[in-house]
Amino acid sequence: MIKNGHQLRHIEGVKGNFGIADRVEYFTHGVQREGESPSQATVTNVRSFVESQQYFFDALWDKAMPADERTRIYKDYI
């Protein structure tokens, strides 16, 4: 992904995932057990909810470490 121009970051301890498309649509899914297909998905374009989740994402992004830095640290560690 980095080779294709995408920015990646790492933050320790975060569990779960979600996506925000163009700041207008939020989506997430839950998995009951590892390896199973999602049993539930949520998609919404309710502006107030999407904005709050975008704020949450931005806060995590700002705290996260760039992937290339994380990779360098990991390589030095092992």
Protein backbone atom coordinates (compact mmCIF):
# COMPACT_ATOMS: atom_id res chain seq x y z
CA MET A 1 0.00 0.00 0.00
CA ILE A 2 2.86 2.38 0.79
CA LYS A 3 4.33 1.73 -2.66
CA ASN A 4 0.99 2.87 -4.12
CA GLY A 5 1.17 6.17 -2.27
CA HIS A 6 -1.05 5.34 0.71
CA GLN A 7 -0.15 6.50 4.18
CA LEU A 8 -0.14 3.85 6.89
CA ARG A 9 0.24 4.30 10.63
CA HIS A 10 0.45 2.01 13.64
CA ILE A 11 -0.99 2.48 17.10
CA GLU A 12 -0.54 -0.13 19.81
CA GLY A 13 -3.56 -1.59 21.57
CA VAL A 14 -6.39 -0.51 19.27
CA LYS A 15 -8.86 -3.31 18.64
CA GLY A 16 -11.52 -3.28 15.96
CA ASN A 17 -11.83 -1.28 12.80
CA PHE A 18 -14.06 1.08 10.90
CA GLY A 19 -13.97 3.13 7.75
CA ILE A 20 -15.02 6.59 6.71
CA ALA A 21 -15.47 7.28 3.01
CA ASP A 22 -14.92 10.86 1.87
CA ARG A 23 -16.07 12.19 5.26
CA VAL A 24 -19.69 11.34 4.34
CA GLU A 25 -20.19 7.63 5.05
CA TYR A 26 -19.21 5.46 8.02
CA PHE A 27 -19.02 1.67 7.98
CA THR A 28 -17.96 -1.05 10.36
CA HIS A 29 -18.56 -4.74 10.93
CA GLY A 30 -18.37 -7.17 13.80
CA VAL A 31 -17.00 -10.69 13.75
CA GLN A 32 -18.28 -13.26 16.24
CA ARG A 33 -15.24 -15.54 16.04
CA GLU A 34 -11.93 -15.31 14.31
CA GLY A 35 -12.13 -16.59 10.74
CA GLU A 36 -15.91 -16.19 10.46
CA SER A 37 -17.62 -13.84 8.07
CA PRO A 38 -19.03 -10.64 9.57
CA SER A 39 -22.29 -11.32 11.32
CA GLN A 40 -23.32 -7.70 11.40
CA ALA A 41 -22.47 -4.55 9.46
CA THR A 42 -23.31 -0.92 10.05
CA VAL A 43 -23.33 1.70 7.32
CA THR A 44 -24.58 5.24 7.83
CA ASN A 45 -24.37 8.67 6.30
CA VAL A 46 -25.93 10.53 9.26
CA ARG A 47 -23.76 13.62 9.23
CA SER A 48 -23.44 14.14 13.00
CA PHE A 49 -22.41 10.52 13.53
CA VAL A 50 -19.95 10.49 10.64
CA GLU A 51 -18.41 13.76 11.88
CA SER A 52 -17.96 12.37 15.40
CA GLN A 53 -16.32 9.22 14.05
CA GLN A 54 -14.10 11.32 11.76
CA TYR A 55 -12.97 13.29 14.83
CA PHE A 56 -12.19 10.01 16.61
CA PHE A 57 -10.24 8.72 13.59
CA ASP A 58 -8.27 11.97 13.31
CA ALA A 59 -7.35 11.80 17.02
CA LEU A 60 -6.09 8.22 16.62
CA TRP A 61 -4.25 9.10 13.40
CA ASP A 62 -2.45 11.98 15.11
CA LYS A 63 -1.29 9.68 17.93
CA ALA A 64 -0.25 6.84 15.63
CA MET A 65 3.28 6.22 14.42
CA PRO A 66 4.06 6.34 10.67
CA ALA A 67 4.51 2.81 9.31
CA ASP A 68 8.03 3.40 8.00
CA GLU A 69 9.15 4.57 11.46
CA ARG A 70 7.45 1.59 13.11
CA THR A 71 9.16 -0.75 10.64
CA ARG A 72 12.59 0.75 11.40
CA ILE A 73 12.06 0.39 15.15
CA TYR A 74 10.85 -3.20 14.77
CA LYS A 75 13.83 -4.15 12.59
CA ASP A 76 16.22 -2.65 15.17
CA TYR A 77 14.46 -4.57 17.93
CA ILE A 78 14.77 -8.07 16.41
